[in-house]
Amino acid sequence: MPVDAALHVRAADGITQAQTLAFSAQCIALIGREMAEAERLARDAVEMLGDSPTEVPTLPFAFGLIR
């Protein structure tokens, strides 16, 4: 499950963590379930990136799927 990946990447650097969260959000949104969880993961990725939101180009797609 994508959320498991998000939990296992905690030891990675911030960019890798944010990428994993964004990808997990995409996967959950593609399934069409737990949309609140998908949005939470995507927002966590945004918070993690701080001043570098462009470091994870998959985030806009994740938010697009969520919407």
Protein backbone atom coordinates (compact mmCIF):
# COMPACT_ATOMS: atom_id res chain seq x y z
CA MET A 1 0.00 0.00 0.00
CA PRO A 2 1.34 3.49 -0.83
CA VAL A 3 0.99 4.71 2.74
CA ASP A 4 3.41 1.96 3.80
CA ALA A 5 6.01 3.44 1.45
CA ALA A 6 5.47 6.85 3.01
CA LEU A 7 6.14 5.37 6.44
CA HIS A 8 9.30 3.49 5.41
CA VAL A 9 11.05 6.48 3.84
CA ARG A 10 11.45 8.42 7.09
CA ALA A 11 15.24 7.97 7.16
CA ALA A 12 15.64 9.50 3.69
CA ASP A 13 16.41 13.14 2.90
CA GLY A 14 13.57 15.68 2.73
CA ILE A 15 13.27 15.69 -1.07
CA THR A 16 13.04 11.90 -1.22
CA GLN A 17 10.45 11.92 1.55
CA ALA A 18 8.39 14.57 -0.25
CA GLN A 19 8.61 12.67 -3.55
CA THR A 20 7.40 9.50 -1.84
CA LEU A 21 4.53 11.32 -0.18
CA ALA A 22 3.52 12.92 -3.49
CA PHE A 23 3.66 9.57 -5.30
CA SER A 24 1.65 7.92 -2.54
CA ALA A 25 -0.93 10.69 -2.78
CA GLN A 26 -1.16 10.10 -6.55
CA CYS A 27 -1.66 6.36 -6.10
CA ILE A 28 -4.40 6.79 -3.53
CA ALA A 29 -6.14 9.44 -5.65
CA LEU A 30 -5.98 7.22 -8.76
CA ILE A 31 -7.77 4.48 -6.86
CA GLY A 32 -10.40 7.04 -5.89
CA ARG A 33 -10.60 6.12 -2.23
CA GLU A 34 -9.44 7.86 0.90
CA MET A 35 -9.17 11.21 -0.86
CA ALA A 36 -8.70 12.99 2.46
CA GLU A 37 -5.64 10.80 3.12
CA ALA A 38 -4.30 11.54 -0.37
CA GLU A 39 -4.67 15.26 0.23
CA ARG A 40 -3.03 14.98 3.64
CA LEU A 41 -0.01 13.23 2.12
CA ALA A 42 0.28 15.84 -0.64
CA ARG A 43 0.04 18.70 1.86
CA ASP A 44 2.66 17.03 4.07
CA ALA A 45 4.96 16.91 1.04
CA VAL A 46 4.42 20.63 0.42
CA GLU A 47 5.23 21.41 4.06
CA MET A 48 8.33 19.26 3.91
CA LEU A 49 9.65 21.11 0.87
CA GLY A 50 9.37 24.56 2.42
CA ASP A 51 11.08 26.98 0.04
CA SER A 52 11.72 24.33 -2.63
CA PRO A 53 8.26 23.30 -3.91
CA THR A 54 9.55 22.79 -7.45
CA GLU A 55 11.84 19.97 -6.28
CA VAL A 56 8.89 17.56 -6.60
CA PRO A 57 7.25 18.12 -9.98
CA THR A 58 4.72 15.36 -9.31
CA LEU A 59 2.94 17.40 -6.65
CA PRO A 60 0.75 19.40 -9.07
CA PHE A 61 -0.40 16.14 -10.66
CA ALA A 62 -1.19 14.71 -7.23
CA PHE A 63 -3.30 17.74 -6.35
CA GLY A 64 -4.96 17.60 -9.77
CA LEU A 65 -6.02 14.00 -9.20
CA ILE A 66 -7.28 14.86 -5.74
CA ARG A 67 -9.42 17.68 -7.07
